[in-house]
Amino acid sequence: EQRLGGGLPTRDWIDAVTPDTPVAVPRTDLHSTLLNTL
């Protein structure tokens, strides 16, 4: 998130482009993961 402006990403960032594709992508430290709504 430090390279993305500082705020944590949210599912709203990616929901529109992944309505049928589940997403679970980790932060670079592998201690946080971002999920989309699916």
ModelCIF file with pLDDT and N, C-alpha, C, O atoms, coordinates in Angstrom:
data_MODEL
#
_entry.id   MODEL 
#
_entity.id                         1 
_entity.type                       polymer 
_entity.pdbx_number_of_molecules   1 
#
_entity_poly.entity_id                      1 
_entity_poly.type                           'polypeptide(L)' 
_entity_poly.nstd_linkage                   no 
_entity_poly.nstd_monomer                   no 
_entity_poly.pdbx_seq_one_letter_code       EQRLGGGLPTRDWIDAVTPDTPVAVPRTDLHSTLLNTL 
_entity_poly.pdbx_seq_one_letter_code_can   EQRLGGGLPTRDWIDAVTPDTPVAVPRTDLHSTLLNTL 
_entity_poly.pdbx_strand_id                 A 
#
loop_
_entity_poly_seq.entity_id 
_entity_poly_seq.num 
_entity_poly_seq.mon_id 
_entity_poly_seq.hetero 
1 1  GLU n 
1 2  GLN n 
1 3  ARG n 
1 4  LEU n 
1 5  GLY n 
1 6  GLY n 
1 7  GLY n 
1 8  LEU n 
1 9  PRO n 
1 10 THR n 
1 11 ARG n 
1 12 ASP n 
1 13 TRP n 
1 14 ILE n 
1 15 ASP n 
1 16 ALA n 
1 17 VAL n 
1 18 THR n 
1 19 PRO n 
1 20 ASP n 
1 21 THR n 
1 22 PRO n 
1 23 VAL n 
1 24 ALA n 
1 25 VAL n 
1 26 PRO n 
1 27 ARG n 
1 28 THR n 
1 29 ASP n 
1 30 LEU n 
1 31 HIS n 
1 32 SER n 
1 33 THR n 
1 34 LEU n 
1 35 LEU n 
1 36 ASN n 
1 37 THR n 
1 38 LEU n 
#
_struct_asym.id          A 
_struct_asym.entity_id   1 
#
loop_
_ma_qa_metric.id 
_ma_qa_metric.mode 
_ma_qa_metric.name 
_ma_qa_metric.software_group_id 
_ma_qa_metric.type 
1 global pLDDT . pLDDT 
2 local  pLDDT . pLDDT 
#
_ma_qa_metric_global.metric_id      1 
_ma_qa_metric_global.metric_value   94.87 
_ma_qa_metric_global.model_id       1 
_ma_qa_metric_global.ordinal_id     1 
#
loop_
_ma_qa_metric_local.label_asym_id 
_ma_qa_metric_local.label_comp_id 
_ma_qa_metric_local.label_seq_id 
_ma_qa_metric_local.metric_id 
_ma_qa_metric_local.metric_value 
_ma_qa_metric_local.model_id 
_ma_qa_metric_local.ordinal_id 
A GLU 1  2 94.00 1 1  
A GLN 2  2 89.00 1 2  
A ARG 3  2 90.00 1 3  
A LEU 4  2 93.00 1 4  
A GLY 5  2 88.00 1 5  
A GLY 6  2 88.00 1 6  
A GLY 7  2 90.00 1 7  
A LEU 8  2 94.00 1 8  
A PRO 9  2 97.00 1 9  
A THR 10 2 98.00 1 10 
A ARG 11 2 98.00 1 11 
A ASP 12 2 97.00 1 12 
A TRP 13 2 98.00 1 13 
A ILE 14 2 98.00 1 14 
A ASP 15 2 98.00 1 15 
A ALA 16 2 98.00 1 16 
A VAL 17 2 97.00 1 17 
A THR 18 2 98.00 1 18 
A PRO 19 2 97.00 1 19 
A ASP 20 2 97.00 1 20 
A THR 21 2 97.00 1 21 
A PRO 22 2 98.00 1 22 
A VAL 23 2 97.00 1 23 
A ALA 24 2 97.00 1 24 
A VAL 25 2 96.00 1 25 
A PRO 26 2 94.00 1 26 
A ARG 27 2 92.00 1 27 
A THR 28 2 87.00 1 28 
A ASP 29 2 88.00 1 29 
A LEU 30 2 89.00 1 30 
A HIS 31 2 91.00 1 31 
A SER 32 2 95.00 1 32 
A THR 33 2 97.00 1 33 
A LEU 34 2 98.00 1 34 
A LEU 35 2 98.00 1 35 
A ASN 36 2 98.00 1 36 
A THR 37 2 98.00 1 37 
A LEU 38 2 98.00 1 38 
#
loop_
_atom_site.group_PDB 
_atom_site.id 
_atom_site.type_symbol 
_atom_site.label_atom_id 
_atom_site.label_alt_id 
_atom_site.label_comp_id 
_atom_site.label_asym_id 
_atom_site.label_entity_id 
_atom_site.label_seq_id 
_atom_site.pdbx_PDB_ins_code 
_atom_site.Cartn_x 
_atom_site.Cartn_y 
_atom_site.Cartn_z 
_atom_site.occupancy 
_atom_site.B_iso_or_equiv 
_atom_site.pdbx_formal_charge 
_atom_site.auth_seq_id 
_atom_site.auth_comp_id 
_atom_site.auth_asym_id 
_atom_site.auth_atom_id 
_atom_site.pdbx_PDB_model_num 
ATOM 1   N N  . GLU A 1 1  ? 0.820   -1.218  0.000   1.00 94.00 ? 1  GLU A N  1 
ATOM 2   C CA . GLU A 1 1  ? 0.000   0.000   0.000   1.00 94.00 ? 1  GLU A CA 1 
ATOM 3   C C  . GLU A 1 1  ? 0.851   1.263   0.000   1.00 94.00 ? 1  GLU A C  1 
ATOM 4   O O  . GLU A 1 1  ? 0.382   2.326   -0.406  1.00 94.00 ? 1  GLU A O  1 
ATOM 5   N N  . GLN A 1 2  ? 2.118   1.152   0.460   1.00 89.00 ? 2  GLN A N  1 
ATOM 6   C CA . GLN A 1 2  ? 2.980   2.330   0.455   1.00 89.00 ? 2  GLN A CA 1 
ATOM 7   C C  . GLN A 1 2  ? 3.267   2.797   -0.975  1.00 89.00 ? 2  GLN A C  1 
ATOM 8   O O  . GLN A 1 2  ? 3.547   3.975   -1.200  1.00 89.00 ? 2  GLN A O  1 
ATOM 9   N N  . ARG A 1 3  ? 3.200   1.882   -1.929  1.00 90.00 ? 3  ARG A N  1 
ATOM 10  C CA . ARG A 1 3  ? 3.425   2.247   -3.329  1.00 90.00 ? 3  ARG A CA 1 
ATOM 11  C C  . ARG A 1 3  ? 2.116   2.636   -4.021  1.00 90.00 ? 3  ARG A C  1 
ATOM 12  O O  . ARG A 1 3  ? 2.110   3.010   -5.194  1.00 90.00 ? 3  ARG A O  1 
ATOM 13  N N  . LEU A 1 4  ? 1.023   2.545   -3.287  1.00 93.00 ? 4  LEU A N  1 
ATOM 14  C CA . LEU A 1 4  ? -0.293  2.832   -3.863  1.00 93.00 ? 4  LEU A CA 1 
ATOM 15  C C  . LEU A 1 4  ? -0.931  4.072   -3.257  1.00 93.00 ? 4  LEU A C  1 
ATOM 16  O O  . LEU A 1 4  ? -2.123  4.318   -3.439  1.00 93.00 ? 4  LEU A O  1 
ATOM 17  N N  . GLY A 1 5  ? -0.140  4.843   -2.541  1.00 88.00 ? 5  GLY A N  1 
ATOM 18  C CA . GLY A 1 5  ? -0.667  6.060   -1.946  1.00 88.00 ? 5  GLY A CA 1 
ATOM 19  C C  . GLY A 1 5  ? -0.761  6.032   -0.444  1.00 88.00 ? 5  GLY A C  1 
ATOM 20  O O  . GLY A 1 5  ? -0.994  7.070   0.175   1.00 88.00 ? 5  GLY A O  1 
ATOM 21  N N  . GLY A 1 6  ? -0.582  4.851   0.173   1.00 88.00 ? 6  GLY A N  1 
ATOM 22  C CA . GLY A 1 6  ? -0.535  4.765   1.633   1.00 88.00 ? 6  GLY A CA 1 
ATOM 23  C C  . GLY A 1 6  ? -1.726  4.099   2.283   1.00 88.00 ? 6  GLY A C  1 
ATOM 24  O O  . GLY A 1 6  ? -1.573  3.501   3.348   1.00 88.00 ? 6  GLY A O  1 
ATOM 25  N N  . GLY A 1 7  ? -2.918  4.173   1.685   1.00 90.00 ? 7  GLY A N  1 
ATOM 26  C CA . GLY A 1 7  ? -4.083  3.542   2.290   1.00 90.00 ? 7  GLY A CA 1 
ATOM 27  C C  . GLY A 1 7  ? -4.229  2.097   1.866   1.00 90.00 ? 7  GLY A C  1 
ATOM 28  O O  . GLY A 1 7  ? -3.866  1.736   0.747   1.00 90.00 ? 7  GLY A O  1 
ATOM 29  N N  . LEU A 1 8  ? -4.763  1.260   2.758   1.00 94.00 ? 8  LEU A N  1 
ATOM 30  C CA . LEU A 1 8  ? -4.959  -0.146  2.417   1.00 94.00 ? 8  LEU A CA 1 
ATOM 31  C C  . LEU A 1 8  ? -5.973  -0.285  1.286   1.00 94.00 ? 8  LEU A C  1 
ATOM 32  O O  . LEU A 1 8  ? -6.988  0.411   1.285   1.00 94.00 ? 8  LEU A O  1 
ATOM 33  N N  . PRO A 1 9  ? -5.718  -1.172  0.324   1.00 97.00 ? 9  PRO A N  1 
ATOM 34  C CA . PRO A 1 9  ? -6.721  -1.417  -0.715  1.00 97.00 ? 9  PRO A CA 1 
ATOM 35  C C  . PRO A 1 9  ? -7.943  -2.094  -0.116  1.00 97.00 ? 9  PRO A C  1 
ATOM 36  O O  . PRO A 1 9  ? -7.870  -2.686  0.961   1.00 97.00 ? 9  PRO A O  1 
ATOM 37  N N  . THR A 1 10 ? -9.044  -2.007  -0.805  1.00 98.00 ? 10 THR A N  1 
ATOM 38  C CA . THR A 1 10 ? -10.278 -2.662  -0.365  1.00 98.00 ? 10 THR A CA 1 
ATOM 39  C C  . THR A 1 10 ? -10.879 -3.440  -1.536  1.00 98.00 ? 10 THR A C  1 
ATOM 40  O O  . THR A 1 10 ? -10.459 -3.303  -2.685  1.00 98.00 ? 10 THR A O  1 
ATOM 41  N N  . ARG A 1 11 ? -11.863 -4.251  -1.206  1.00 98.00 ? 11 ARG A N  1 
ATOM 42  C CA . ARG A 1 11 ? -12.515 -5.053  -2.247  1.00 98.00 ? 11 ARG A CA 1 
ATOM 43  C C  . ARG A 1 11 ? -13.164 -4.163  -3.314  1.00 98.00 ? 11 ARG A C  1 
ATOM 44  O O  . ARG A 1 11 ? -13.309 -4.580  -4.463  1.00 98.00 ? 11 ARG A O  1 
ATOM 45  N N  . ASP A 1 12 ? -13.553 -2.946  -2.938  1.00 97.00 ? 12 ASP A N  1 
ATOM 46  C CA . ASP A 1 12 ? -14.172 -2.032  -3.900  1.00 97.00 ? 12 ASP A CA 1 
ATOM 47  C C  . ASP A 1 12 ? -13.239 -1.704  -5.066  1.00 97.00 ? 12 ASP A C  1 
ATOM 48  O O  . ASP A 1 12 ? -13.697 -1.394  -6.165  1.00 97.00 ? 12 ASP A O  1 
ATOM 49  N N  . TRP A 1 13 ? -11.931 -1.774  -4.820  1.00 98.00 ? 13 TRP A N  1 
ATOM 50  C CA . TRP A 1 13 ? -10.969 -1.463  -5.874  1.00 98.00 ? 13 TRP A CA 1 
ATOM 51  C C  . TRP A 1 13 ? -11.081 -2.428  -7.057  1.00 98.00 ? 13 TRP A C  1 
ATOM 52  O O  . TRP A 1 13 ? -10.846 -2.047  -8.203  1.00 98.00 ? 13 TRP A O  1 
ATOM 53  N N  . ILE A 1 14 ? -11.441 -3.675  -6.766  1.00 98.00 ? 14 ILE A N  1 
ATOM 54  C CA . ILE A 1 14 ? -11.328 -4.724  -7.786  1.00 98.00 ? 14 ILE A CA 1 
ATOM 55  C C  . ILE A 1 14 ? -12.628 -5.449  -8.088  1.00 98.00 ? 14 ILE A C  1 
ATOM 56  O O  . ILE A 1 14 ? -12.672 -6.253  -9.018  1.00 98.00 ? 14 ILE A O  1 
ATOM 57  N N  . ASP A 1 15 ? -13.685 -5.191  -7.335  1.00 98.00 ? 15 ASP A N  1 
ATOM 58  C CA . ASP A 1 15 ? -14.939 -5.925  -7.531  1.00 98.00 ? 15 ASP A CA 1 
ATOM 59  C C  . ASP A 1 15 ? -15.479 -5.777  -8.956  1.00 98.00 ? 15 ASP A C  1 
ATOM 60  O O  . ASP A 1 15 ? -15.956 -6.746  -9.547  1.00 98.00 ? 15 ASP A O  1 
ATOM 61  N N  . ALA A 1 16 ? -15.401 -4.571  -9.499  1.00 98.00 ? 16 ALA A N  1 
ATOM 62  C CA . ALA A 1 16 ? -16.002 -4.330  -10.815 1.00 98.00 ? 16 ALA A CA 1 
ATOM 63  C C  . ALA A 1 16 ? -15.325 -5.133  -11.912 1.00 98.00 ? 16 ALA A C  1 
ATOM 64  O O  . ALA A 1 16 ? -15.964 -5.482  -12.905 1.00 98.00 ? 16 ALA A O  1 
ATOM 65  N N  . VAL A 1 17 ? -14.028 -5.436  -11.748 1.00 97.00 ? 17 VAL A N  1 
ATOM 66  C CA . VAL A 1 17 ? -13.298 -6.159  -12.801 1.00 97.00 ? 17 VAL A CA 1 
ATOM 67  C C  . VAL A 1 17 ? -13.184 -7.646  -12.503 1.00 97.00 ? 17 VAL A C  1 
ATOM 68  O O  . VAL A 1 17 ? -12.613 -8.392  -13.299 1.00 97.00 ? 17 VAL A O  1 
ATOM 69  N N  . THR A 1 18 ? -13.721 -8.092  -11.363 1.00 98.00 ? 18 THR A N  1 
ATOM 70  C CA . THR A 1 18 ? -13.647 -9.513  -11.011 1.00 98.00 ? 18 THR A CA 1 
ATOM 71  C C  . THR A 1 18 ? -14.985 -10.019 -10.486 1.00 98.00 ? 18 THR A C  1 
ATOM 72  O O  . THR A 1 18 ? -15.015 -10.630 -9.418  1.00 98.00 ? 18 THR A O  1 
ATOM 73  N N  . PRO A 1 19 ? -16.084 -9.793  -11.182 1.00 97.00 ? 19 PRO A N  1 
ATOM 74  C CA . PRO A 1 19 ? -17.376 -10.236 -10.641 1.00 97.00 ? 19 PRO A CA 1 
ATOM 75  C C  . PRO A 1 19 ? -17.491 -11.747 -10.537 1.00 97.00 ? 19 PRO A C  1 
ATOM 76  O O  . PRO A 1 19 ? -18.217 -12.252 -9.680  1.00 97.00 ? 19 PRO A O  1 
ATOM 77  N N  . ASP A 1 20 ? -16.782 -12.483 -11.401 1.00 97.00 ? 20 ASP A N  1 
ATOM 78  C CA . ASP A 1 20 ? -16.881 -13.943 -11.427 1.00 97.00 ? 20 ASP A CA 1 
ATOM 79  C C  . ASP A 1 20 ? -15.551 -14.636 -11.130 1.00 97.00 ? 20 ASP A C  1 
ATOM 80  O O  . ASP A 1 20 ? -15.437 -15.852 -11.283 1.00 97.00 ? 20 ASP A O  1 
ATOM 81  N N  . THR A 1 21 ? -14.559 -13.878 -10.713 1.00 97.00 ? 21 THR A N  1 
ATOM 82  C CA . THR A 1 21 ? -13.226 -14.432 -10.449 1.00 97.00 ? 21 THR A CA 1 
ATOM 83  C C  . THR A 1 21 ? -12.829 -14.131 -9.007  1.00 97.00 ? 21 THR A C  1 
ATOM 84  O O  . THR A 1 21 ? -12.673 -12.963 -8.653  1.00 97.00 ? 21 THR A O  1 
ATOM 85  N N  . PRO A 1 22 ? -12.662 -15.144 -8.170  1.00 98.00 ? 22 PRO A N  1 
ATOM 86  C CA . PRO A 1 22 ? -12.269 -14.887 -6.778  1.00 98.00 ? 22 PRO A CA 1 
ATOM 87  C C  . PRO A 1 22 ? -10.814 -14.422 -6.689  1.00 98.00 ? 22 PRO A C  1 
ATOM 88  O O  . PRO A 1 22 ? -9.949  -14.906 -7.421  1.00 98.00 ? 22 PRO A O  1 
ATOM 89  N N  . VAL A 1 23 ? -10.562 -13.487 -5.792  1.00 97.00 ? 23 VAL A N  1 
ATOM 90  C CA . VAL A 1 23 ? -9.231  -12.898 -5.634  1.00 97.00 ? 23 VAL A CA 1 
ATOM 91  C C  . VAL A 1 23 ? -8.823  -12.975 -4.165  1.00 97.00 ? 23 VAL A C  1 
ATOM 92  O O  . VAL A 1 23 ? -9.604  -12.641 -3.274  1.00 97.00 ? 23 VAL A O  1 
ATOM 93  N N  . ALA A 1 24 ? -7.584  -13.421 -3.927  1.00 97.00 ? 24 ALA A N  1 
ATOM 94  C CA . ALA A 1 24 ? -6.995  -13.409 -2.586  1.00 97.00 ? 24 ALA A CA 1 
ATOM 95  C C  . ALA A 1 24 ? -5.507  -13.159 -2.760  1.00 97.00 ? 24 ALA A C  1 
ATOM 96  O O  . ALA A 1 24 ? -4.718  -14.099 -2.852  1.00 97.00 ? 24 ALA A O  1 
ATOM 97  N N  . VAL A 1 25 ? -5.128  -11.890 -2.805  1.00 96.00 ? 25 VAL A N  1 
ATOM 98  C CA . VAL A 1 25 ? -3.735  -11.524 -3.099  1.00 96.00 ? 25 VAL A CA 1 
ATOM 99  C C  . VAL A 1 25 ? -3.072  -10.987 -1.835  1.00 96.00 ? 25 VAL A C  1 
ATOM 100 O O  . VAL A 1 25 ? -3.645  -10.130 -1.162  1.00 96.00 ? 25 VAL A O  1 
ATOM 101 N N  . PRO A 1 26 ? -1.880  -11.469 -1.500  1.00 94.00 ? 26 PRO A N  1 
ATOM 102 C CA . PRO A 1 26 ? -1.238  -11.100 -0.235  1.00 94.00 ? 26 PRO A CA 1 
ATOM 103 C C  . PRO A 1 26 ? -0.483  -9.787  -0.304  1.00 94.00 ? 26 PRO A C  1 
ATOM 104 O O  . PRO A 1 26 ? 0.028   -9.393  -1.352  1.00 94.00 ? 26 PRO A O  1 
ATOM 105 N N  . ARG A 1 27 ? -0.424  -9.124  0.834   1.00 92.00 ? 27 ARG A N  1 
ATOM 106 C CA . ARG A 1 27 ? 0.496   -7.994  0.976   1.00 92.00 ? 27 ARG A CA 1 
ATOM 107 C C  . ARG A 1 27 ? 1.929   -8.527  0.874   1.00 92.00 ? 27 ARG A C  1 
ATOM 108 O O  . ARG A 1 27 ? 2.169   -9.720  1.058   1.00 92.00 ? 27 ARG A O  1 
ATOM 109 N N  . THR A 1 28 ? 2.859   -7.645  0.584   1.00 87.00 ? 28 THR A N  1 
ATOM 110 C CA . THR A 1 28 ? 4.232   -8.081  0.352   1.00 87.00 ? 28 THR A CA 1 
ATOM 111 C C  . THR A 1 28 ? 4.855   -8.780  1.554   1.00 87.00 ? 28 THR A C  1 
ATOM 112 O O  . THR A 1 28 ? 5.798   -9.554  1.384   1.00 87.00 ? 28 THR A O  1 
ATOM 113 N N  . ASP A 1 29 ? 4.354   -8.529  2.773   1.00 88.00 ? 29 ASP A N  1 
ATOM 114 C CA . ASP A 1 29 ? 4.904   -9.201  3.956   1.00 88.00 ? 29 ASP A CA 1 
ATOM 115 C C  . ASP A 1 29 ? 4.242   -10.545 4.238   1.00 88.00 ? 29 ASP A C  1 
ATOM 116 O O  . ASP A 1 29 ? 4.638   -11.247 5.167   1.00 88.00 ? 29 ASP A O  1 
ATOM 117 N N  . LEU A 1 30 ? 3.232   -10.909 3.440   1.00 89.00 ? 30 LEU A N  1 
ATOM 118 C CA . LEU A 1 30 ? 2.485   -12.167 3.594   1.00 89.00 ? 30 LEU A CA 1 
ATOM 119 C C  . LEU A 1 30 ? 1.712   -12.248 4.908   1.00 89.00 ? 30 LEU A C  1 
ATOM 120 O O  . LEU A 1 30 ? 1.333   -13.339 5.335   1.00 89.00 ? 30 LEU A O  1 
ATOM 121 N N  . HIS A 1 31 ? 1.478   -11.121 5.542   1.00 91.00 ? 31 HIS A N  1 
ATOM 122 C CA . HIS A 1 31 ? 0.715   -11.121 6.795   1.00 91.00 ? 31 HIS A CA 1 
ATOM 123 C C  . HIS A 1 31 ? -0.675  -10.514 6.633   1.00 91.00 ? 31 HIS A C  1 
ATOM 124 O O  . HIS A 1 31 ? -1.473  -10.532 7.571   1.00 91.00 ? 31 HIS A O  1 
ATOM 125 N N  . SER A 1 32 ? -0.966  -9.982  5.458   1.00 95.00 ? 32 SER A N  1 
ATOM 126 C CA . SER A 1 32 ? -2.310  -9.491  5.145   1.00 95.00 ? 32 SER A CA 1 
ATOM 127 C C  . SER A 1 32 ? -2.672  -9.961  3.740   1.00 95.00 ? 32 SER A C  1 
ATOM 128 O O  . SER A 1 32 ? -1.804  -10.114 2.880   1.00 95.00 ? 32 SER A O  1 
ATOM 129 N N  . THR A 1 33 ? -3.964  -10.187 3.521   1.00 97.00 ? 33 THR A N  1 
ATOM 130 C CA . THR A 1 33 ? -4.443  -10.622 2.208   1.00 97.00 ? 33 THR A CA 1 
ATOM 131 C C  . THR A 1 33 ? -5.667  -9.805  1.833   1.00 97.00 ? 33 THR A C  1 
ATOM 132 O O  . THR A 1 33 ? -6.542  -9.560  2.664   1.00 97.00 ? 33 THR A O  1 
ATOM 133 N N  . LEU A 1 34 ? -5.724  -9.382  0.567   1.00 98.00 ? 34 LEU A N  1 
ATOM 134 C CA . LEU A 1 34 ? -6.884  -8.659  0.054   1.00 98.00 ? 34 LEU A CA 1 
ATOM 135 C C  . LEU A 1 34 ? -7.792  -9.615  -0.703  1.00 98.00 ? 34 LEU A C  1 
ATOM 136 O O  . LEU A 1 34 ? -7.347  -10.308 -1.617  1.00 98.00 ? 34 LEU A O  1 
ATOM 137 N N  . LEU A 1 35 ? -9.078  -9.651  -0.318  1.00 98.00 ? 35 LEU A N  1 
ATOM 138 C CA . LEU A 1 35 ? -10.082 -10.460 -0.997  1.00 98.00 ? 35 LEU A CA 1 
ATOM 139 C C  . LEU A 1 35 ? -11.064 -9.548  -1.720  1.00 98.00 ? 35 LEU A C  1 
ATOM 140 O O  . LEU A 1 35 ? -11.333 -8.432  -1.275  1.00 98.00 ? 35 LEU A O  1 
ATOM 141 N N  . ASN A 1 36 ? -11.590 -10.029 -2.829  1.00 98.00 ? 36 ASN A N  1 
ATOM 142 C CA . ASN A 1 36 ? -12.733 -9.333  -3.431  1.00 98.00 ? 36 ASN A CA 1 
ATOM 143 C C  . ASN A 1 36 ? -14.019 -9.878  -2.789  1.00 98.00 ? 36 ASN A C  1 
ATOM 144 O O  . ASN A 1 36 ? -13.975 -10.786 -1.960  1.00 98.00 ? 36 ASN A O  1 
ATOM 145 N N  . THR A 1 37 ? -15.149 -9.311  -3.184  1.00 98.00 ? 37 THR A N  1 
ATOM 146 C CA . THR A 1 37 ? -16.413 -9.702  -2.556  1.00 98.00 ? 37 THR A CA 1 
ATOM 147 C C  . THR A 1 37 ? -16.733 -11.172 -2.804  1.00 98.00 ? 37 THR A C  1 
ATOM 148 O O  . THR A 1 37 ? -17.253 -11.849 -1.917  1.00 98.00 ? 37 THR A O  1 
ATOM 149 N N  . LEU A 1 38 ? -16.427 -11.672 -4.005  1.00 98.00 ? 38 LEU A N  1 
ATOM 150 C CA . LEU A 1 38 ? -16.701 -13.075 -4.301  1.00 98.00 ? 38 LEU A CA 1 
ATOM 151 C C  . LEU A 1 38 ? -15.894 -13.985 -3.386  1.00 98.00 ? 38 LEU A C  1 
ATOM 152 O O  . LEU A 1 38 ? -15.994 -15.208 -3.488  1.00 98.00 ? 38 LEU A O  1 
#
